[in-house]
PDB file of N, CA and C in Angstrom:
ATOM      1  N   MET A   1    -143.433 -54.143  75.123  1.00  0.00           N
ATOM      2  CA  MET A   1    -142.471 -53.464  75.654  1.00  0.00           C
ATOM      3  C   MET A   1    -141.992 -52.358  74.647  1.00  0.00           C
ATOM      4  N   LEU A   2    -141.105 -53.081  74.000  1.00  0.00           N
ATOM      5  CA  LEU A   2    -140.358 -52.586  73.226  1.00  0.00           C
ATOM      6  C   LEU A   2    -140.767 -51.858  72.134  1.00  0.00           C
ATOM      7  N   ILE A   3    -142.140 -51.571  71.962  1.00  0.00           N
ATOM      8  CA  ILE A   3    -142.773 -50.671  71.680  1.00  0.00           C
ATOM      9  C   ILE A   3    -143.514 -49.127  72.275  1.00  0.00           C
ATOM     10  N   CYS A   4    -143.521 -49.035  73.806  1.00  0.00           N
ATOM     11  CA  CYS A   4    -142.825 -49.038  74.576  1.00  0.00           C
ATOM     12  C   CYS A   4    -141.698 -47.948  74.726  1.00  0.00           C
ATOM     13  N   ALA A   5    -141.222 -48.822  74.957  1.00  0.00           N
ATOM     14  CA  ALA A   5    -139.628 -47.915  74.802  1.00  0.00           C
ATOM     15  C   ALA A   5    -139.059 -47.230  74.181  1.00  0.00           C
ATOM     16  N   THR A   6    -139.704 -47.638  72.789  1.00  0.00           N
ATOM     17  CA  THR A   6    -139.623 -46.609  71.362  1.00  0.00           C
ATOM     18  C   THR A   6    -140.263 -45.443  71.472  1.00  0.00           C
ATOM     19  N   ALA A   7    -141.243 -45.592  72.048  1.00  0.00           N
ATOM     20  CA  ALA A   7    -142.288 -44.554  72.221  1.00  0.00           C
ATOM     21  C   ALA A   7    -141.395 -43.093  72.965  1.00  0.00           C
ATOM     22  N   ALA A   8    -141.466 -44.012  73.670  1.00  0.00           N
ATOM     23  CA  ALA A   8    -140.802 -43.163  75.169  1.00  0.00           C
ATOM     24  C   ALA A   8    -139.345 -42.328  74.441  1.00  0.00           C
ATOM     25  N   LEU A   9    -138.430 -43.131  73.561  1.00  0.00           N
ATOM     26  CA  LEU A   9    -137.177 -42.690  73.524  1.00  0.00           C
ATOM     27  C   LEU A   9    -137.083 -41.876  72.183  1.00  0.00           C
ATOM     28  N   THR A  10    -138.066 -42.052  71.820  1.00  0.00           N
ATOM     29  CA  THR A  10    -138.420 -41.377  70.407  1.00  0.00           C
ATOM     30  C   THR A  10    -138.810 -39.614  71.073  1.00  0.00           C
ATOM     31  N   SER A  11    -140.089 -39.680  71.932  1.00  0.00           N
ATOM     32  CA  SER A  11    -140.590 -38.580  72.703  1.00  0.00           C
ATOM     33  C   SER A  11    -139.097 -37.798  73.189  1.00  0.00           C
ATOM     34  N   TRP A  12    -138.677 -38.472  73.877  1.00  0.00           N
ATOM     35  CA  TRP A  12    -137.233 -37.595  74.308  1.00  0.00           C
ATOM     36  C   TRP A  12    -136.304 -36.650  73.905  1.00  0.00           C
ATOM     37  N   ALA A  13    -136.273 -37.345  72.503  1.00  0.00           N
ATOM     38  CA  ALA A  13    -135.796 -37.540  71.237  1.00  0.00           C
ATOM     39  C   ALA A  13    -135.667 -36.496  70.454  1.00  0.00           C
ATOM     40  N   LEU A  14    -137.335 -36.449  70.735  1.00  0.00           N
ATOM     41  CA  LEU A  14    -137.417 -35.097  69.918  1.00  0.00           C
ATOM     42  C   LEU A  14    -138.179 -33.431  70.283  1.00  0.00           C
ATOM     43  N   TYR A  15    -138.996 -34.296  71.673  1.00  0.00           N
ATOM     44  CA  TYR A  15    -139.498 -32.457  72.733  1.00  0.00           C
ATOM     45  C   TYR A  15    -138.534 -32.877  73.925  1.00  0.00           C
ATOM     46  N   GLY A  16    -138.410 -33.501  74.554  1.00  0.00           N
ATOM     47  CA  GLY A  16    -137.181 -33.654  75.762  1.00  0.00           C
ATOM     48  C   GLY A  16    -135.993 -32.979  75.660  1.00  0.00           C
ATOM     49  N   SER A  17    -135.128 -33.496  76.583  1.00  0.00           N
ATOM     50  CA  SER A  17    -133.195 -33.304  76.416  1.00  0.00           C
ATOM     51  C   SER A  17    -133.102 -33.460  75.522  1.00  0.00           C
ATOM     52  N   GLY A  18    -133.316 -34.456  74.950  1.00  0.00           N
ATOM     53  CA  GLY A  18    -132.548 -35.640  73.730  1.00  0.00           C
ATOM     54  C   GLY A  18    -132.255 -34.173  72.930  1.00  0.00           C
ATOM     55  N   VAL A  19    -133.015 -33.433  72.345  1.00  0.00           N
ATOM     56  CA  VAL A  19    -133.394 -32.526  71.230  1.00  0.00           C
ATOM     57  C   VAL A  19    -132.358 -31.307  70.977  1.00  0.00           C
ATOM     58  N   ALA A  20    -131.420 -31.200  72.467  1.00  0.00           N
ATOM     59  CA  ALA A  20    -130.627 -30.533  72.432  1.00  0.00           C
ATOM     60  C   ALA A  20    -128.952 -31.525  71.758  1.00  0.00           C
ATOM     61  N   ILE A  21    -128.890 -32.526  71.464  1.00  0.00           N
ATOM     62  CA  ILE A  21    -127.417 -32.861  71.525  1.00  0.00           C
ATOM     63  C   ILE A  21    -127.504 -33.842  69.920  1.00  0.00           C
ATOM     64  N   GLU A  22    -126.567 -33.271  69.457  1.00  0.00           N
ATOM     65  CA  GLU A  22    -125.174 -33.248  68.601  1.00  0.00           C
ATOM     66  C   GLU A  22    -124.830 -34.264  68.218  1.00  0.00           C
ATOM     67  N   LEU A  23    -124.893 -35.597  67.420  1.00  0.00           N
ATOM     68  CA  LEU A  23    -124.485 -36.667  67.748  1.00  0.00           C
ATOM     69  C   LEU A  23    -122.920 -36.738  67.256  1.00  0.00           C
ATOM     70  N   ALA A  24    -122.930 -35.595  66.515  1.00  0.00           N
ATOM     71  CA  ALA A  24    -121.198 -35.219  65.436  1.00  0.00           C
ATOM     72  C   ALA A  24    -120.399 -34.966  66.864  1.00  0.00           C
ATOM     73  N   HIS A  25    -120.929 -34.666  68.650  1.00  0.00           N
ATOM     74  CA  HIS A  25    -120.024 -33.699  69.109  1.00  0.00           C
ATOM     75  C   HIS A  25    -118.947 -34.521  69.638  1.00  0.00           C
ATOM     76  N   PRO A  26    -117.613 -34.697  69.767  1.00  0.00           N
ATOM     77  CA  PRO A  26    -117.377 -35.214  70.132  1.00  0.00           C
ATOM     78  C   PRO A  26    -116.859 -36.004  71.632  1.00  0.00           C
ATOM     79  N   ASP A  27    -117.542 -34.445  72.836  1.00  0.00           N
ATOM     80  CA  ASP A  27    -118.340 -35.037  74.136  1.00  0.00           C
ATOM     81  C   ASP A  27    -119.380 -35.196  74.142  1.00  0.00           C
ATOM     82  N   LEU A  28    -120.360 -36.344  73.527  1.00  0.00           N
ATOM     83  CA  LEU A  28    -121.074 -36.606  73.804  1.00  0.00           C
ATOM     84  C   LEU A  28    -121.532 -37.520  74.625  1.00  0.00           C
ATOM     85  N   ARG A  29    -120.646 -38.176  75.710  1.00  0.00           N
ATOM     86  CA  ARG A  29    -121.323 -38.184  76.396  1.00  0.00           C
ATOM     87  C   ARG A  29    -121.976 -37.104  77.422  1.00  0.00           C
ATOM     88  N   GLU A  30    -120.865 -35.949  78.428  1.00  0.00           N
ATOM     89  CA  GLU A  30    -120.938 -34.760  78.205  1.00  0.00           C
ATOM     90  C   GLU A  30    -122.611 -34.373  78.271  1.00  0.00           C
ATOM     91  N   ALA A  31    -123.088 -34.164  76.907  1.00  0.00           N
ATOM     92  CA  ALA A  31    -123.641 -33.769  76.218  1.00  0.00           C
ATOM     93  C   ALA A  31    -125.314 -34.093  76.879  1.00  0.00           C
ATOM     94  N   ILE A  32    -125.404 -35.564  76.535  1.00  0.00           N
ATOM     95  CA  ILE A  32    -126.471 -35.938  76.877  1.00  0.00           C
ATOM     96  C   ILE A  32    -127.495 -36.065  78.606  1.00  0.00           C
ATOM     97  N   SER A  33    -128.431 -35.613  78.841  1.00  0.00           N
ATOM     98  CA  SER A  33    -129.245 -35.302  80.187  1.00  0.00           C
ATOM     99  C   SER A  33    -130.486 -36.319  80.193  1.00  0.00           C
ATOM    100  N   LEU A  34    -130.595 -36.139  81.434  1.00  0.00           N
ATOM    101  CA  LEU A  34    -132.192 -36.676  81.272  1.00  0.00           C
ATOM    102  C   LEU A  34    -132.727 -35.923  83.039  1.00  0.00           C
ATOM    103  N   LYS A  35    -133.874 -35.546  82.799  1.00  0.00           N
ATOM    104  CA  LYS A  35    -134.255 -34.496  83.277  1.00  0.00           C
ATOM    105  C   LYS A  35    -135.733 -34.564  84.048  1.00  0.00           C
ATOM    106  N   LEU A  36    -136.145 -34.841  84.553  1.00  0.00           N
ATOM    107  CA  LEU A  36    -137.193 -35.552  84.929  1.00  0.00           C
ATOM    108  C   LEU A  36    -138.782 -35.109  84.597  1.00  0.00           C
ATOM    109  N   PRO A  37    -139.023 -33.949  84.254  1.00  0.00           N
ATOM    110  CA  PRO A  37    -140.034 -33.765  83.332  1.00  0.00           C
ATOM    111  C   PRO A  37    -139.668 -34.475  81.582  1.00  0.00           C
ATOM    112  N   ALA A  38    -138.352 -34.056  81.424  1.00  0.00           N
ATOM    113  CA  ALA A  38    -138.853 -35.616  79.967  1.00  0.00           C
ATOM    114  C   ALA A  38    -138.648 -36.959  80.339  1.00  0.00           C
ATOM    115  N   LEU A  39    -138.171 -37.469  81.394  1.00  0.00           N
ATOM    116  CA  LEU A  39    -138.911 -38.818  81.572  1.00  0.00           C
ATOM    117  C   LEU A  39    -140.392 -39.204  81.995  1.00  0.00           C
ATOM    118  N   ALA A  40    -140.574 -38.142  82.962  1.00  0.00           N
ATOM    119  CA  ALA A  40    -142.506 -38.803  83.201  1.00  0.00           C
ATOM    120  C   ALA A  40    -142.796 -38.585  81.073  1.00  0.00           C
ATOM    121  N   GLY A  41    -142.801 -37.453  80.400  1.00  0.00           N
ATOM    122  CA  GLY A  41    -143.128 -37.327  79.120  1.00  0.00           C
ATOM    123  C   GLY A  41    -142.792 -37.946  78.709  1.00  0.00           C
ATOM    124  N   ALA A  42    -141.569 -38.675  78.341  1.00  0.00           N
ATOM    125  CA  ALA A  42    -141.340 -40.339  77.506  1.00  0.00           C
ATOM    126  C   ALA A  42    -141.915 -41.246  77.706  1.00  0.00           C
ATOM    127  N   LEU A  43    -142.290 -41.348  79.153  1.00  0.00           N
ATOM    128  CA  LEU A  43    -143.458 -42.800  80.034  1.00  0.00           C
ATOM    129  C   LEU A  43    -144.985 -42.604  79.386  1.00  0.00           C
ATOM    130  N   LEU A  44    -145.143 -41.187  79.822  1.00  0.00           N
ATOM    131  CA  LEU A  44    -146.579 -41.647  79.226  1.00  0.00           C
ATOM    132  C   LEU A  44    -146.719 -40.932  78.028  1.00  0.00           C
ATOM    133  N   VAL A  45    -146.115 -40.875  77.259  1.00  0.00           N
ATOM    134  CA  VAL A  45    -146.547 -41.145  75.569  1.00  0.00           C
ATOM    135  C   VAL A  45    -146.506 -42.722  75.541  1.00  0.00           C
ATOM    136  N   GLY A  46    -144.841 -43.315  76.395  1.00  0.00           N
ATOM    137  CA  GLY A  46    -144.897 -44.867  75.936  1.00  0.00           C
ATOM    138  C   GLY A  46    -145.899 -45.709  76.105  1.00  0.00           C
ATOM    139  N   ILE A  47    -146.767 -45.663  77.164  1.00  0.00           N
ATOM    140  CA  ILE A  47    -147.664 -46.179  78.012  1.00  0.00           C
ATOM    141  C   ILE A  47    -149.240 -45.701  77.021  1.00  0.00           C
ATOM    142  N   ALA A  48    -149.263 -43.839  76.803  1.00  0.00           N
ATOM    143  CA  ALA A  48    -150.254 -44.144  75.546  1.00  0.00           C
ATOM    144  C   ALA A  48    -150.060 -44.626  74.352  1.00  0.00           C
ATOM    145  N   GLY A  49    -148.717 -45.178  73.997  1.00  0.00           N
ATOM    146  CA  GLY A  49    -148.673 -45.762  72.683  1.00  0.00           C
ATOM    147  C   GLY A  49    -149.387 -47.014  72.604  1.00  0.00           C
ATOM    148  N   ALA A  50    -149.198 -47.787  74.256  1.00  0.00           N
ATOM    149  CA  ALA A  50    -149.308 -48.907  74.485  1.00  0.00           C
ATOM    150  C   ALA A  50    -150.118 -49.157  73.881  1.00  0.00           C
ATOM    151  N   LYS A  51    -151.517 -48.442  74.767  1.00  0.00           N
ATOM    152  CA  LYS A  51    -152.461 -48.523  74.833  1.00  0.00           C
ATOM    153  C   LYS A  51    -153.484 -48.866  73.134  1.00  0.00           C
ATOM    154  N   TRP A  52    -153.112 -47.761  72.780  1.00  0.00           N
ATOM    155  CA  TRP A  52    -153.385 -47.330  71.463  1.00  0.00           C
ATOM    156  C   TRP A  52    -153.184 -48.473  70.592  1.00  0.00           C
ATOM    157  N   LEU A  53    -151.765 -48.955  70.272  1.00  0.00           N
ATOM    158  CA  LEU A  53    -152.039 -50.015  69.527  1.00  0.00           C
ATOM    159  C   LEU A  53    -152.334 -51.208  70.026  1.00  0.00           C
ATOM    160  N   THR A  54    -152.812 -51.804  71.837  1.00  0.00           N
ATOM    161  CA  THR A  54    -153.853 -52.814  72.060  1.00  0.00           C
ATOM    162  C   THR A  54    -155.144 -51.950  71.368  1.00  0.00           C
ATOM    163  N   SER A  55    -155.857 -51.317  71.792  1.00  0.00           N
ATOM    164  CA  SER A  55    -156.770 -50.524  71.249  1.00  0.00           C
ATOM    165  C   SER A  55    -156.612 -51.451  69.691  1.00  0.00           C
ATOM    166  N   GLU A  56    -156.318 -51.215  69.028  1.00  0.00           N
ATOM    167  CA  GLU A  56    -156.141 -51.468  67.534  1.00  0.00           C
ATOM    168  C   GLU A  56    -156.122 -52.325  67.045  1.00  0.00           C
ATOM    169  N   SER A  57    -155.496 -53.644  68.031  1.00  0.00           N
ATOM    170  CA  SER A  57    -155.358 -54.846  67.820  1.00  0.00           C
ATOM    171  C   SER A  57    -156.450 -55.936  67.922  1.00  0.00           C
ATOM    172  N   ASP A  58    -157.413 -54.737  69.221  1.00  0.00           N
ATOM    173  CA  ASP A  58    -158.355 -55.388  69.794  1.00  0.00           C
ATOM    174  C   ASP A  58    -159.934 -55.176  68.576  1.00  0.00           C
ATOM    175  N   LYS A  59    -160.085 -54.024  68.203  1.00  0.00           N
ATOM    176  CA  LYS A  59    -160.590 -53.798  67.337  1.00  0.00           C
ATOM    177  C   LYS A  59    -160.876 -55.007  66.170  1.00  0.00           C
ATOM    178  N   GLY A  60    -158.967 -55.207  65.282  1.00  0.00           N
ATOM    179  CA  GLY A  60    -159.548 -56.336  64.482  1.00  0.00           C
ATOM    180  C   GLY A  60    -159.379 -57.394  64.279  1.00  0.00           C
ATOM    181  N   LEU A  61    -159.310 -57.596  65.886  1.00  0.00           N
ATOM    182  CA  LEU A  61    -160.290 -58.880  66.017  1.00  0.00           C
ATOM    183  C   LEU A  61    -161.949 -59.305  66.549  1.00  0.00           C
ATOM    184  N   TYR A  62    -161.963 -58.044  67.393  1.00  0.00           N
ATOM    185  CA  TYR A  62    -163.705 -57.501  66.659  1.00  0.00           C
ATOM    186  C   TYR A  62    -164.582 -57.885  65.680  1.00  0.00           C
ATOM    187  N   LYS A  63    -163.290 -57.377  64.800  1.00  0.00           N
ATOM    188  CA  LYS A  63    -164.549 -57.492  63.246  1.00  0.00           C
ATOM    189  C   LYS A  63    -164.147 -58.793  62.209  1.00  0.00           C
ATOM    190  N   GLU A  64    -163.350 -59.146  63.090  1.00  0.00           N
ATOM    191  CA  GLU A  64    -162.846 -60.679  62.417  1.00  0.00           C
ATOM    192  C   GLU A  64    -164.302 -61.397  63.796  1.00  0.00           C
ATOM    193  N   SER A  65    -164.041 -61.225  64.520  1.00  0.00           N
ATOM    194  CA  SER A  65    -165.624 -62.029  64.658  1.00  0.00           C
ATOM    195  C   SER A  65    -166.281 -61.699  64.523  1.00  0.00           C
ATOM    196  N   VAL A  66    -167.069 -60.911  64.369  1.00  0.00           N
ATOM    197  CA  VAL A  66    -168.060 -60.396  64.084  1.00  0.00           C
ATOM    198  C   VAL A  66    -168.680 -60.800  62.411  1.00  0.00           C
ATOM    199  N   ARG A  67    -167.563 -61.239  61.435  1.00  0.00           N
ATOM    200  CA  ARG A  67    -167.563 -61.100  59.931  1.00  0.00           C
ATOM    201  C   ARG A  67    -168.227 -63.054  60.912  1.00  0.00           C
ATOM    202  N   GLU A  68    -166.763 -63.508  61.678  1.00  0.00           N
ATOM    203  CA  GLU A  68    -167.082 -64.846  61.888  1.00  0.00           C
ATOM    204  C   GLU A  68    -168.515 -65.891  62.422  1.00  0.00           C
ATOM    205  N   ALA A  69    -168.880 -64.819  63.162  1.00  0.00           N
ATOM    206  CA  ALA A  69    -170.613 -64.474  63.736  1.00  0.00           C
ATOM    207  C   ALA A  69    -171.939 -64.732  62.789  1.00  0.00           C
ATOM    208  N   GLY A  70    -171.076 -63.884  61.346  1.00  0.00           N
ATOM    209  CA  GLY A  70    -172.408 -63.367  60.888  1.00  0.00           C
ATOM    210  C   GLY A  70    -172.346 -64.791  60.231  1.00  0.00           C
ATOM    211  N   LYS A  71    -171.528 -65.770  60.046  1.00  0.00           N
ATOM    212  CA  LYS A  71    -171.467 -66.486  58.302  1.00  0.00           C
ATOM    213  C   LYS A  71    -172.690 -67.838  59.562  1.00  0.00           C
ATOM    214  N   LYS A  72    -172.426 -67.514  60.790  1.00  0.00           N
ATOM    215  CA  LYS A  72    -173.364 -69.418  61.349  1.00  0.00           C
ATOM    216  C   LYS A  72    -174.163 -69.099  62.231  1.00  0.00           C
ATOM    217  N   PRO A  73    -175.356 -69.000  61.959  1.00  0.00           N
ATOM    218  CA  PRO A  73    -176.194 -69.045  63.378  1.00  0.00           C
ATOM    219  C   PRO A  73    -175.961 -69.724  64.951  1.00  0.00           C
ATOM    220  N   LEU A  74    -176.198 -68.856  65.867  1.00  0.00           N
ATOM    221  CA  LEU A  74    -175.444 -69.116  67.380  1.00  0.00           C
ATOM    222  C   LEU A  74    -176.832 -68.955  68.107  1.00  0.00           C
ATOM    223  N   THR A  75    -177.064 -70.190  68.884  1.00  0.00           N
ATOM    224  CA  THR A  75    -177.844 -70.248  70.392  1.00  0.00           C
ATOM    225  C   THR A  75    -177.950 -69.035  70.752  1.00  0.00           C
ATOM    226  N   ASP A  76    -178.507 -68.568  71.780  1.00  0.00           N
ATOM    227  CA  ASP A  76    -178.978 -67.229  73.052  1.00  0.00           C
ATOM    228  C   ASP A  76    -177.552 -68.135  73.656  1.00  0.00           C
ATOM    229  N   GLN A  77    -177.719 -68.875  73.783  1.00  0.00           N
ATOM    230  CA  GLN A  77    -176.499 -68.940  75.138  1.00  0.00           C
ATOM    231  C   GLN A  77    -175.355 -69.065  74.461  1.00  0.00           C
ATOM    232  N   GLN A  78    -174.372 -69.988  73.379  1.00  0.00           N
ATOM    233  CA  GLN A  78    -173.307 -69.963  72.922  1.00  0.00           C
ATOM    234  C   GLN A  78    -173.323 -68.065  72.687  1.00  0.00           C
ATOM    235  N   ARG A  79    -174.332 -66.885  72.479  1.00  0.00           N
ATOM    236  CA  ARG A  79    -174.024 -65.405  72.224  1.00  0.00           C
ATOM    237  C   ARG A  79    -173.892 -65.093  73.689  1.00  0.00           C
ATOM    238  N   GLU A  80    -174.206 -65.500  74.802  1.00  0.00           N
ATOM    239  CA  GLU A  80    -174.180 -65.091  75.749  1.00  0.00           C
ATOM    240  C   GLU A  80    -172.555 -65.470  76.108  1.00  0.00           C
ATOM    241  N   LYS A  81    -171.568 -66.470  76.222  1.00  0.00           N
ATOM    242  CA  LYS A  81    -170.359 -66.901  76.257  1.00  0.00           C
ATOM    243  C   LYS A  81    -169.215 -66.462  74.974  1.00  0.00           C
ATOM    244  N   VAL A  82    -169.917 -66.413  73.918  1.00  0.00           N
ATOM    245  CA  VAL A  82    -169.036 -65.844  72.811  1.00  0.00           C
ATOM    246  C   VAL A  82    -168.876 -63.553  73.746  1.00  0.00           C
ATOM    247  N   VAL A  83    -169.790 -63.366  74.563  1.00  0.00           N
ATOM    248  CA  VAL A  83    -169.196 -61.350  74.117  1.00  0.00           C
ATOM    249  C   VAL A  83    -168.227 -61.857  75.691  1.00  0.00           C
ATOM    250  N   GLN A  84    -168.313 -62.805  76.028  1.00  0.00           N
ATOM    251  CA  GLN A  84    -167.038 -62.570  77.111  1.00  0.00           C
ATOM    252  C   GLN A  84    -165.528 -62.798  77.309  1.00  0.00           C
ATOM    253  N   GLY A  85    -164.549 -62.334  77.654  1.00  0.00           N
ATOM    254  CA  GLY A  85    -163.370 -62.322  77.926  1.00  0.00           C
ATOM    255  C   GLY A  85    -162.568 -61.244  76.475  1.00  0.00           C
ATOM    256  N   SER A  86    -161.597 -61.157  76.570  1.00  0.00           N
ATOM    257  CA  SER A  86    -160.161 -61.169  76.037  1.00  0.00           C
ATOM    258  C   SER A  86    -161.159 -60.865  74.381  1.00  0.00           C
ATOM    259  N   ALA A  87    -160.587 -60.330  73.189  1.00  0.00           N
ATOM    260  CA  ALA A  87    -160.825 -60.023  72.089  1.00  0.00           C
ATOM    261  C   ALA A  87    -160.000 -61.508  71.235  1.00  0.00           C
ATOM    262  N   LEU A  88    -159.237 -61.766  71.323  1.00  0.00           N
ATOM    263  CA  LEU A  88    -158.763 -63.162  71.264  1.00  0.00           C
ATOM    264  C   LEU A  88    -159.980 -64.205  71.604  1.00  0.00           C
ATOM    265  N   ASP A  89    -159.881 -63.968  72.895  1.00  0.00           N
ATOM    266  CA  ASP A  89    -161.206 -65.191  73.479  1.00  0.00           C
ATOM    267  C   ASP A  89    -162.278 -64.955  72.806  1.00  0.00           C
ATOM    268  N   VAL A  90    -163.377 -64.463  72.153  1.00  0.00           N
ATOM    269  CA  VAL A  90    -164.106 -63.450  71.584  1.00  0.00           C
ATOM    270  C   VAL A  90    -164.018 -65.107  70.887  1.00  0.00           C
ATOM    271  N   LEU A  91    -162.926 -64.192  69.203  1.00  0.00           N
ATOM    272  CA  LEU A  91    -162.742 -65.137  68.455  1.00  0.00           C
ATOM    273  C   LEU A  91    -162.170 -66.045  68.160  1.00  0.00           C
ATOM    274  N   GLN A  92    -161.727 -66.767  69.505  1.00  0.00           N
ATOM    275  CA  GLN A  92    -161.639 -68.734  69.410  1.00  0.00           C
ATOM    276  C   GLN A  92    -162.636 -69.300  69.237  1.00  0.00           C
ATOM    277  N   GLN A  93    -164.305 -68.417  70.162  1.00  0.00           N
ATOM    278  CA  GLN A  93    -165.264 -68.639  70.743  1.00  0.00           C
ATOM    279  C   GLN A  93    -165.756 -69.114  69.655  1.00  0.00           C
ATOM    280  N   VAL A  94    -166.182 -67.625  68.474  1.00  0.00           N
ATOM    281  CA  VAL A  94    -167.103 -67.469  67.257  1.00  0.00           C
ATOM    282  C   VAL A  94    -166.286 -68.890  66.863  1.00  0.00           C
ATOM    283  N   LYS A  95    -165.444 -68.385  66.211  1.00  0.00           N
ATOM    284  CA  LYS A  95    -164.741 -69.683  65.906  1.00  0.00           C
ATOM    285  C   LYS A  95    -164.980 -71.942  66.036  1.00  0.00           C
ATOM    286  N   ALA A  96    -164.707 -71.515  67.648  1.00  0.00           N
ATOM    287  CA  ALA A  96    -166.016 -73.006  68.118  1.00  0.00           C
ATOM    288  C   ALA A  96    -166.577 -72.789  68.093  1.00  0.00           C
ATOM    289  N   ALA A  97    -167.939 -71.997  67.754  1.00  0.00           N
ATOM    290  CA  ALA A  97    -169.369 -72.257  68.074  1.00  0.00           C
ATOM    291  C   ALA A  97    -169.977 -72.830  66.484  1.00  0.00           C
TER     292      ALA A  97
END
């Protein structure tokens, strides 16, 4: 969630209404605005960023699962059990087999 918020804030600051804000301006509070398109864009960037990070972490877990599965022989029943669940579940199943 923190990563999503950071991605959304960065998107707003670089491409949304935040791009026009001068931080050294004495009336900074009046200069800050948040428009609906900027908010929607920031939200979209935050969601996409979270999905990308989840995908990358799952990819790493699956690679480790394949590495572990290659070290030991698995029965057909164990193979069926291993491929069900999240990436972390798969890794735990392979290590337990």
